[in-house]
């Protein structure tokens, strides 16, 4: 068994080296950019075309409606932990906004 061990280790390492050639990233354009520029250890320029904001802005809006916000919160129902209130802070329109406040820890595990 001892005389076969070095051969086994050598064959294992050679197979490992052959199959461990993985790419840096699944994005081939980014990998080509890294190889071309050699900027492996410095921050790269972010690709804004693949950001969540760009992807979300390109989505088609299928249906849109306004929410009726009244100071007495009629038509709105609150269930569970937290509280719901009407607020005039940080509003986009003059109608006001609904503030939802939830505790960070409810005392129960999920």
Foldseek 3Di string as FASTA:
>chain_A
DVVCVVVVVVVVVVVCVVPVPDQPDPDPVVSVVCVVVVPPPHDDDDDVCPDPVNVVVPDDDPDDDDDDAAQVPPPDDDDDAWDKHWAQPPDDDRRGDIDTDGDPDDPDDD
